[in-house]
Amino acid sequence: MYKHLFFDLDHTLWDFDKNSHETLAEMHTHFSMQEIVPLTKLLDTFLKVNLILWEKHNADIIDQHTLRLTRFPLVFEAMGVEMPVSSEELSVMYLDLMPKKPHTLPHAIEVLEYLKPKYPLHIITNGFPEIQDIKLASAGISHYFDLVITSAQAGCRKPSRGMFDYMVRELQTVPTDCLMIGDNWEADVMGARNAGIDQVFFNPKMNTALPAPDADTKTFYIQSLKELINIL
């Protein structure tokens, strides 16, 4: 039924939360943050602040530089404590360590092994290109993908239809031959839907309400990546 499968990377294949938490734990020890804030509070606050900033970035409200510049100041402001070192030093260390973490989400490798002989697989991501390539290599999954398209290459971000149209043009295919797999309802599902591409909504925590299906494209709902084997 499909000739090309598009995957989101962060939170879909690459376990952003686990990799980020490991990095923050190392930074917590390195900068002796245990003297000013518990690790659990740092992890929880970073997760919330980072999510808000990425939502703004995806909506073109803030750019990459602003996201990186303001992330740690906002985290420490929310915790009510002073940063142990400069924002730049924290950001540089985080961006150096975090992409090198290898953890993928449950069943990701198993599913990619199953799909690779059957379909051309591709990555379509809003993540920063210099970071996403390192993540793919660190997780040992680069070889599964034929084409990796970032928002920097496409000149726009998901959920913009332009990013999906760019991928379709690069592959010299048509939307109906493609399937998008991702965890973000707005960026991945609605973005693909607006481009006439069928979608798989990966919702492992079942923490997002499921709107009604669209008549023009097909939407699959999965809680585990392993369910892709039943669909494909």
C-alpha atoms as a PDB file:
ATOM      1  CA  MET A   1       0.000   0.000   0.000  1.00  0.00           C
ATOM      2  CA  TYR A   2       2.896   2.392   0.748  1.00  0.00           C
ATOM      3  CA  LYS A   3       6.168   2.988  -1.045  1.00  0.00           C
ATOM      4  CA  HIS A   4       7.842   5.264   1.517  1.00  0.00           C
ATOM      5  CA  LEU A   5       7.682   5.467   5.322  1.00  0.00           C
ATOM      6  CA  PHE A   6       8.500   8.752   7.071  1.00  0.00           C
ATOM      7  CA  PHE A   7       9.592   8.635  10.725  1.00  0.00           C
ATOM      8  CA  ASP A   8       9.890  11.409  13.246  1.00  0.00           C
ATOM      9  CA  LEU A   9      13.040  10.952  15.382  1.00  0.00           C
ATOM     10  CA  ASP A  10      12.763  12.409  18.899  1.00  0.00           C
ATOM     11  CA  HIS A  11      10.163  10.690  21.115  1.00  0.00           C
ATOM     12  CA  THR A  12       9.313   8.325  18.253  1.00  0.00           C
ATOM     13  CA  LEU A  13      12.505   6.311  17.719  1.00  0.00           C
ATOM     14  CA  TRP A  14      15.194   8.066  19.775  1.00  0.00           C
ATOM     15  CA  ASP A  15      14.287   8.132  23.476  1.00  0.00           C
ATOM     16  CA  PHE A  16      14.670  11.856  24.099  1.00  0.00           C
ATOM     17  CA  ASP A  17      13.468  11.738  27.705  1.00  0.00           C
ATOM     18  CA  LYS A  18      15.838   8.957  28.817  1.00  0.00           C
ATOM     19  CA  ASN A  19      18.818  10.400  26.950  1.00  0.00           C
ATOM     20  CA  SER A  20      18.139  13.899  28.228  1.00  0.00           C
ATOM     21  CA  HIS A  21      17.669  12.665  31.803  1.00  0.00           C
ATOM     22  CA  GLU A  22      20.999  10.829  31.734  1.00  0.00           C
ATOM     23  CA  THR A  23      22.708  13.970  30.469  1.00  0.00           C
ATOM     24  CA  LEU A  24      21.137  16.194  33.106  1.00  0.00           C
ATOM     25  CA  ALA A  25      22.089  13.704  35.829  1.00  0.00           C
ATOM     26  CA  GLU A  26      25.724  13.894  34.708  1.00  0.00           C
ATOM     27  CA  MET A  27      25.563  17.687  34.680  1.00  0.00           C
ATOM     28  CA  HIS A  28      23.901  17.683  38.102  1.00  0.00           C
ATOM     29  CA  THR A  29      26.922  15.820  39.498  1.00  0.00           C
ATOM     30  CA  HIS A  30      29.549  17.674  37.455  1.00  0.00           C
ATOM     31  CA  PHE A  31      28.372  21.103  38.614  1.00  0.00           C
ATOM     32  CA  SER A  32      27.599  19.964  42.200  1.00  0.00           C
ATOM     33  CA  MET A  33      23.961  20.934  41.756  1.00  0.00           C
ATOM     34  CA  GLN A  34      22.924  18.553  44.551  1.00  0.00           C
ATOM     35  CA  GLU A  35      23.827  21.408  46.874  1.00  0.00           C
ATOM     36  CA  ILE A  36      21.145  23.666  45.410  1.00  0.00           C
ATOM     37  CA  VAL A  37      18.388  21.484  43.891  1.00  0.00           C
ATOM     38  CA  PRO A  38      17.330  17.793  43.928  1.00  0.00           C
ATOM     39  CA  LEU A  39      17.913  15.901  40.685  1.00  0.00           C
ATOM     40  CA  THR A  40      14.245  14.930  40.395  1.00  0.00           C
ATOM     41  CA  LYS A  41      13.213  18.578  40.501  1.00  0.00           C
ATOM     42  CA  LEU A  42      15.751  19.466  37.811  1.00  0.00           C
ATOM     43  CA  LEU A  43      14.544  16.659  35.552  1.00  0.00           C
ATOM     44  CA  ASP A  44      10.855  17.494  35.963  1.00  0.00           C
ATOM     45  CA  THR A  45      11.344  21.232  35.486  1.00  0.00           C
ATOM     46  CA  PHE A  46      13.586  20.828  32.444  1.00  0.00           C
ATOM     47  CA  LEU A  47      11.040  18.509  30.815  1.00  0.00           C
ATOM     48  CA  LYS A  48       8.229  21.032  31.230  1.00  0.00           C
ATOM     49  CA  VAL A  49      10.244  24.082  30.147  1.00  0.00           C
ATOM     50  CA  ASN A  50      11.801  22.314  27.176  1.00  0.00           C
ATOM     51  CA  LEU A  51       8.401  21.136  25.947  1.00  0.00           C
ATOM     52  CA  ILE A  52       7.003  24.671  26.034  1.00  0.00           C
ATOM     53  CA  LEU A  53      10.031  26.071  24.203  1.00  0.00           C
ATOM     54  CA  TRP A  54       9.857  23.396  21.484  1.00  0.00           C
ATOM     55  CA  GLU A  55       6.150  24.090  20.991  1.00  0.00           C
ATOM     56  CA  LYS A  56       7.026  27.753  20.457  1.00  0.00           C
ATOM     57  CA  HIS A  57       9.886  26.814  18.123  1.00  0.00           C
ATOM     58  CA  ASN A  58       7.648  24.546  16.039  1.00  0.00           C
ATOM     59  CA  ALA A  59       5.097  27.359  15.825  1.00  0.00           C
ATOM     60  CA  ASP A  60       7.791  29.787  14.574  1.00  0.00           C
ATOM     61  CA  ILE A  61       7.452  31.940  17.694  1.00  0.00           C
ATOM     62  CA  ILE A  62      11.103  31.527  18.671  1.00  0.00           C
ATOM     63  CA  ASP A  63      14.181  30.495  16.699  1.00  0.00           C
ATOM     64  CA  GLN A  64      16.913  27.956  17.432  1.00  0.00           C
ATOM     65  CA  HIS A  65      19.215  30.515  19.031  1.00  0.00           C
ATOM     66  CA  THR A  66      16.515  31.755  21.414  1.00  0.00           C
ATOM     67  CA  LEU A  67      15.567  28.223  22.422  1.00  0.00           C
ATOM     68  CA  ARG A  68      19.153  27.383  23.316  1.00  0.00           C
ATOM     69  CA  LEU A  69      19.863  30.734  24.971  1.00  0.00           C
ATOM     70  CA  THR A  70      16.804  30.816  27.223  1.00  0.00           C
ATOM     71  CA  ARG A  71      16.287  27.136  28.091  1.00  0.00           C
ATOM     72  CA  PHE A  72      18.472  26.851  31.185  1.00  0.00           C
ATOM     73  CA  PRO A  73      17.741  30.344  32.575  1.00  0.00           C
ATOM     74  CA  LEU A  74      14.018  29.526  32.413  1.00  0.00           C
ATOM     75  CA  VAL A  75      14.577  26.150  34.073  1.00  0.00           C
ATOM     76  CA  PHE A  76      16.480  27.634  37.009  1.00  0.00           C
ATOM     77  CA  GLU A  77      14.060  30.541  37.285  1.00  0.00           C
ATOM     78  CA  ALA A  78      11.176  28.060  37.508  1.00  0.00           C
ATOM     79  CA  MET A  79      13.021  26.163  40.267  1.00  0.00           C
ATOM     80  CA  GLY A  80      13.750  29.380  42.140  1.00  0.00           C
ATOM     81  CA  VAL A  81      17.507  28.855  42.341  1.00  0.00           C
ATOM     82  CA  GLU A  82      20.545  30.499  40.761  1.00  0.00           C
ATOM     83  CA  MET A  83      22.452  28.796  37.962  1.00  0.00           C
ATOM     84  CA  PRO A  84      25.754  27.316  39.177  1.00  0.00           C
ATOM     85  CA  VAL A  85      27.546  28.467  36.003  1.00  0.00           C
ATOM     86  CA  SER A  86      26.675  30.536  32.945  1.00  0.00           C
ATOM     87  CA  SER A  87      23.771  29.652  30.680  1.00  0.00           C
ATOM     88  CA  GLU A  88      26.200  29.227  27.797  1.00  0.00           C
ATOM     89  CA  GLU A  89      28.309  26.706  29.723  1.00  0.00           C
ATOM     90  CA  LEU A  90      25.244  24.666  30.644  1.00  0.00           C
ATOM     91  CA  SER A  91      23.924  24.757  27.093  1.00  0.00           C
ATOM     92  CA  VAL A  92      27.250  23.761  25.540  1.00  0.00           C
ATOM     93  CA  MET A  93      27.658  20.783  27.862  1.00  0.00           C
ATOM     94  CA  TYR A  94      24.066  19.632  27.367  1.00  0.00           C
ATOM     95  CA  LEU A  95      24.298  19.824  23.575  1.00  0.00           C
ATOM     96  CA  ASP A  96      27.647  18.065  23.602  1.00  0.00           C
ATOM     97  CA  LEU A  97      26.608  15.125  25.786  1.00  0.00           C
ATOM     98  CA  MET A  98      22.931  14.592  25.030  1.00  0.00           C
ATOM     99  CA  PRO A  99      23.059  13.668  21.289  1.00  0.00           C
ATOM    100  CA  LYS A 100      25.711  11.025  22.014  1.00  0.00           C
ATOM    101  CA  LYS A 101      23.334   8.990  24.170  1.00  0.00           C
ATOM    102  CA  PRO A 102      22.290   5.713  22.510  1.00  0.00           C
ATOM    103  CA  HIS A 103      18.855   4.892  23.902  1.00  0.00           C
ATOM    104  CA  THR A 104      15.980   4.142  21.545  1.00  0.00           C
ATOM    105  CA  LEU A 105      12.351   3.584  22.480  1.00  0.00           C
ATOM    106  CA  PRO A 106      11.100   0.036  23.140  1.00  0.00           C
ATOM    107  CA  HIS A 107      10.886  -2.136  19.993  1.00  0.00           C
ATOM    108  CA  ALA A 108      12.412   0.587  17.764  1.00  0.00           C
ATOM    109  CA  ILE A 109      15.285  -1.577  16.507  1.00  0.00           C
ATOM    110  CA  GLU A 110      13.072  -4.645  16.141  1.00  0.00           C
ATOM    111  CA  VAL A 111      10.561  -2.714  14.061  1.00  0.00           C
ATOM    112  CA  LEU A 112      13.204  -1.055  11.889  1.00  0.00           C
ATOM    113  CA  GLU A 113      14.735  -4.478  11.209  1.00  0.00           C
ATOM    114  CA  TYR A 114      11.324  -5.724  10.135  1.00  0.00           C
ATOM    115  CA  LEU A 115      10.495  -2.722   7.955  1.00  0.00           C
ATOM    116  CA  LYS A 116      13.839  -2.098   6.243  1.00  0.00           C
ATOM    117  CA  PRO A 117      13.605  -5.011   3.756  1.00  0.00           C
ATOM    118  CA  LYS A 118      10.027  -4.042   2.877  1.00  0.00           C
ATOM    119  CA  TYR A 119      10.113  -0.235   2.523  1.00  0.00           C
ATOM    120  CA  PRO A 120      12.460   2.706   1.977  1.00  0.00           C
ATOM    121  CA  LEU A 121      12.607   4.448   5.365  1.00  0.00           C
ATOM    122  CA  HIS A 122      13.210   8.158   5.901  1.00  0.00           C
ATOM    123  CA  ILE A 123      13.513  10.661   8.765  1.00  0.00           C
ATOM    124  CA  ILE A 124      11.615  13.965   8.754  1.00  0.00           C
ATOM    125  CA  THR A 125      12.457  16.076  11.806  1.00  0.00           C
ATOM    126  CA  ASN A 126      12.274  19.582  13.203  1.00  0.00           C
ATOM    127  CA  GLY A 127      15.454  18.883  15.158  1.00  0.00           C
ATOM    128  CA  PHE A 128      18.683  20.701  14.403  1.00  0.00           C
ATOM    129  CA  PRO A 129      20.693  18.984  11.620  1.00  0.00           C
ATOM    130  CA  GLU A 130      24.059  18.991  13.419  1.00  0.00           C
ATOM    131  CA  ILE A 131      22.384  17.290  16.397  1.00  0.00           C
ATOM    132  CA  GLN A 132      20.103  14.794  14.635  1.00  0.00           C
ATOM    133  CA  ASP A 133      22.905  13.147  12.674  1.00  0.00           C
ATOM    134  CA  ILE A 134      24.803  12.501  15.902  1.00  0.00           C
ATOM    135  CA  LYS A 135      21.697  11.024  17.543  1.00  0.00           C
ATOM    136  CA  LEU A 136      21.150   8.621  14.650  1.00  0.00           C
ATOM    137  CA  ALA A 137      24.770   7.504  14.734  1.00  0.00           C
ATOM    138  CA  SER A 138      24.878   7.189  18.522  1.00  0.00           C
ATOM    139  CA  ALA A 139      21.771   5.008  18.519  1.00  0.00           C
ATOM    140  CA  GLY A 140      23.211   2.876  15.717  1.00  0.00           C
ATOM    141  CA  ILE A 141      20.226   3.417  13.426  1.00  0.00           C
ATOM    142  CA  SER A 142      21.595   5.667  10.656  1.00  0.00           C
ATOM    143  CA  HIS A 143      21.851   2.768   8.200  1.00  0.00           C
ATOM    144  CA  TYR A 144      18.115   2.125   8.251  1.00  0.00           C
ATOM    145  CA  PHE A 145      17.299   5.437   6.575  1.00  0.00           C
ATOM    146  CA  ASP A 146      17.708   6.490   2.971  1.00  0.00           C
ATOM    147  CA  LEU A 147      16.872  10.171   3.398  1.00  0.00           C
ATOM    148  CA  VAL A 148      17.059  12.415   6.453  1.00  0.00           C
ATOM    149  CA  ILE A 149      15.310  15.759   6.058  1.00  0.00           C
ATOM    150  CA  THR A 150      15.470  18.466   8.715  1.00  0.00           C
ATOM    151  CA  SER A 151      13.494  21.680   8.896  1.00  0.00           C
ATOM    152  CA  ALA A 152      16.699  23.594   8.079  1.00  0.00           C
ATOM    153  CA  GLN A 153      16.940  21.797   4.736  1.00  0.00           C
ATOM    154  CA  ALA A 154      13.260  22.167   3.909  1.00  0.00           C
ATOM    155  CA  GLY A 155      13.131  25.825   4.914  1.00  0.00           C
ATOM    156  CA  CYS A 156      10.076  25.250   7.115  1.00  0.00           C
ATOM    157  CA  ARG A 157       9.004  23.132  10.080  1.00  0.00           C
ATOM    158  CA  LYS A 158       6.374  20.510  10.730  1.00  0.00           C
ATOM    159  CA  PRO A 159       3.399  20.936  10.793  1.00  0.00           C
ATOM    160  CA  SER A 160       3.895  23.139   7.737  1.00  0.00           C
ATOM    161  CA  ARG A 161       2.710  21.318   4.643  1.00  0.00           C
ATOM    162  CA  GLY A 162       5.792  22.660   2.902  1.00  0.00           C
ATOM    163  CA  MET A 163       8.080  20.314   4.822  1.00  0.00           C
ATOM    164  CA  PHE A 164       6.129  17.239   3.737  1.00  0.00           C
ATOM    165  CA  ASP A 165       5.866  18.530   0.168  1.00  0.00           C
ATOM    166  CA  TYR A 166       9.649  18.978   0.194  1.00  0.00           C
ATOM    167  CA  MET A 167      10.168  15.349   1.213  1.00  0.00           C
ATOM    168  CA  VAL A 168       7.741  14.107  -1.443  1.00  0.00           C
ATOM    169  CA  ARG A 169       9.532  16.121  -4.135  1.00  0.00           C
ATOM    170  CA  GLU A 170      12.956  14.876  -3.007  1.00  0.00           C
ATOM    171  CA  LEU A 171      11.741  11.292  -3.329  1.00  0.00           C
ATOM    172  CA  GLN A 172       9.969  11.968  -6.634  1.00  0.00           C
ATOM    173  CA  THR A 173       6.848  10.278  -5.324  1.00  0.00           C
ATOM    174  CA  VAL A 174       3.259  11.240  -4.469  1.00  0.00           C
ATOM    175  CA  PRO A 175       1.610  11.780  -1.044  1.00  0.00           C
ATOM    176  CA  THR A 176      -0.656   8.745  -1.314  1.00  0.00           C
ATOM    177  CA  ASP A 177       2.402   6.487  -1.559  1.00  0.00           C
ATOM    178  CA  CYS A 178       3.729   7.749   1.795  1.00  0.00           C
ATOM    179  CA  LEU A 179       3.003   7.110   5.475  1.00  0.00           C
ATOM    180  CA  MET A 180       4.082   9.386   8.340  1.00  0.00           C
ATOM    181  CA  ILE A 181       4.864   7.888  11.783  1.00  0.00           C
ATOM    182  CA  GLY A 182       5.259  10.238  14.744  1.00  0.00           C
ATOM    183  CA  ASP A 183       4.337  11.063  18.327  1.00  0.00           C
ATOM    184  CA  ASN A 184       3.240  14.686  17.928  1.00  0.00           C
ATOM    185  CA  TRP A 185      -0.394  15.129  16.951  1.00  0.00           C
ATOM    186  CA  GLU A 186      -0.006  18.638  15.599  1.00  0.00           C
ATOM    187  CA  ALA A 187       3.425  18.387  13.943  1.00  0.00           C
ATOM    188  CA  ASP A 188       3.367  14.830  12.651  1.00  0.00           C
ATOM    189  CA  VAL A 189      -0.273  13.825  12.230  1.00  0.00           C
ATOM    190  CA  MET A 190      -1.921  17.105  11.252  1.00  0.00           C
ATOM    191  CA  GLY A 191       1.101  18.164   9.212  1.00  0.00           C
ATOM    192  CA  ALA A 192       1.026  14.960   7.176  1.00  0.00           C
ATOM    193  CA  ARG A 193      -2.768  15.018   6.937  1.00  0.00           C
ATOM    194  CA  ASN A 194      -2.695  18.523   5.449  1.00  0.00           C
ATOM    195  CA  ALA A 195      -0.224  17.257   2.850  1.00  0.00           C
ATOM    196  CA  GLY A 196      -2.480  14.352   1.874  1.00  0.00           C
ATOM    197  CA  ILE A 197      -0.284  11.745   3.584  1.00  0.00           C
ATOM    198  CA  ASP A 198      -1.648   8.927   5.760  1.00  0.00           C
ATOM    199  CA  GLN A 199      -0.408   8.921   9.347  1.00  0.00           C
ATOM    200  CA  VAL A 200       0.416   6.722  12.324  1.00  0.00           C
ATOM    201  CA  PHE A 201      -0.028   8.492  15.649  1.00  0.00           C
ATOM    202  CA  PHE A 202       2.358   6.963  18.196  1.00  0.00           C
ATOM    203  CA  ASN A 203       0.894   7.730  21.615  1.00  0.00           C
ATOM    204  CA  PRO A 204       2.698   5.466  24.137  1.00  0.00           C
ATOM    205  CA  LYS A 205       1.440   7.190  27.285  1.00  0.00           C
ATOM    206  CA  MET A 206      -2.090   7.636  25.935  1.00  0.00           C
ATOM    207  CA  ASN A 207      -1.912  11.210  27.197  1.00  0.00           C
ATOM    208  CA  THR A 208      -3.386  12.896  24.145  1.00  0.00           C
ATOM    209  CA  ALA A 209      -7.076  12.900  23.312  1.00  0.00           C
ATOM    210  CA  LEU A 210      -7.783  11.336  19.942  1.00  0.00           C
ATOM    211  CA  PRO A 211      -9.766  13.600  17.606  1.00  0.00           C
ATOM    212  CA  ALA A 212     -12.108  12.127  15.041  1.00  0.00           C
ATOM    213  CA  PRO A 213     -10.477  10.525  11.962  1.00  0.00           C
ATOM    214  CA  ASP A 214     -10.253  12.551   8.779  1.00  0.00           C
ATOM    215  CA  ALA A 215     -12.163  11.403   5.707  1.00  0.00           C
ATOM    216  CA  ASP A 216      -9.427  12.315   3.217  1.00  0.00           C
ATOM    217  CA  THR A 217      -6.503  10.446   4.789  1.00  0.00           C
ATOM    218  CA  LYS A 218      -6.163   7.363   6.967  1.00  0.00           C
ATOM    219  CA  THR A 219      -4.979   7.667  10.563  1.00  0.00           C
ATOM    220  CA  PHE A 220      -3.675   4.688  12.542  1.00  0.00           C
ATOM    221  CA  TYR A 221      -3.347   4.847  16.325  1.00  0.00           C
ATOM    222  CA  ILE A 222      -0.676   2.852  18.174  1.00  0.00           C
ATOM    223  CA  GLN A 223       0.573   2.703  21.755  1.00  0.00           C
ATOM    224  CA  SER A 224       3.649   0.556  20.980  1.00  0.00           C
ATOM    225  CA  LEU A 225       5.986   0.712  17.992  1.00  0.00           C
ATOM    226  CA  LYS A 226       5.582  -3.060  17.707  1.00  0.00           C
ATOM    227  CA  GLU A 227       2.031  -2.473  16.489  1.00  0.00           C
ATOM    228  CA  LEU A 228       3.516  -1.181  13.232  1.00  0.00           C
ATOM    229  CA  ILE A 229       4.188  -4.806  12.324  1.00  0.00           C
ATOM    230  CA  ASN A 230       0.436  -5.447  12.297  1.00  0.00           C
ATOM    231  CA  ILE A 231      -0.185  -2.412  10.086  1.00  0.00           C
ATOM    232  CA  LEU A 232       2.715  -2.851   7.668  1.00  0.00           C
END
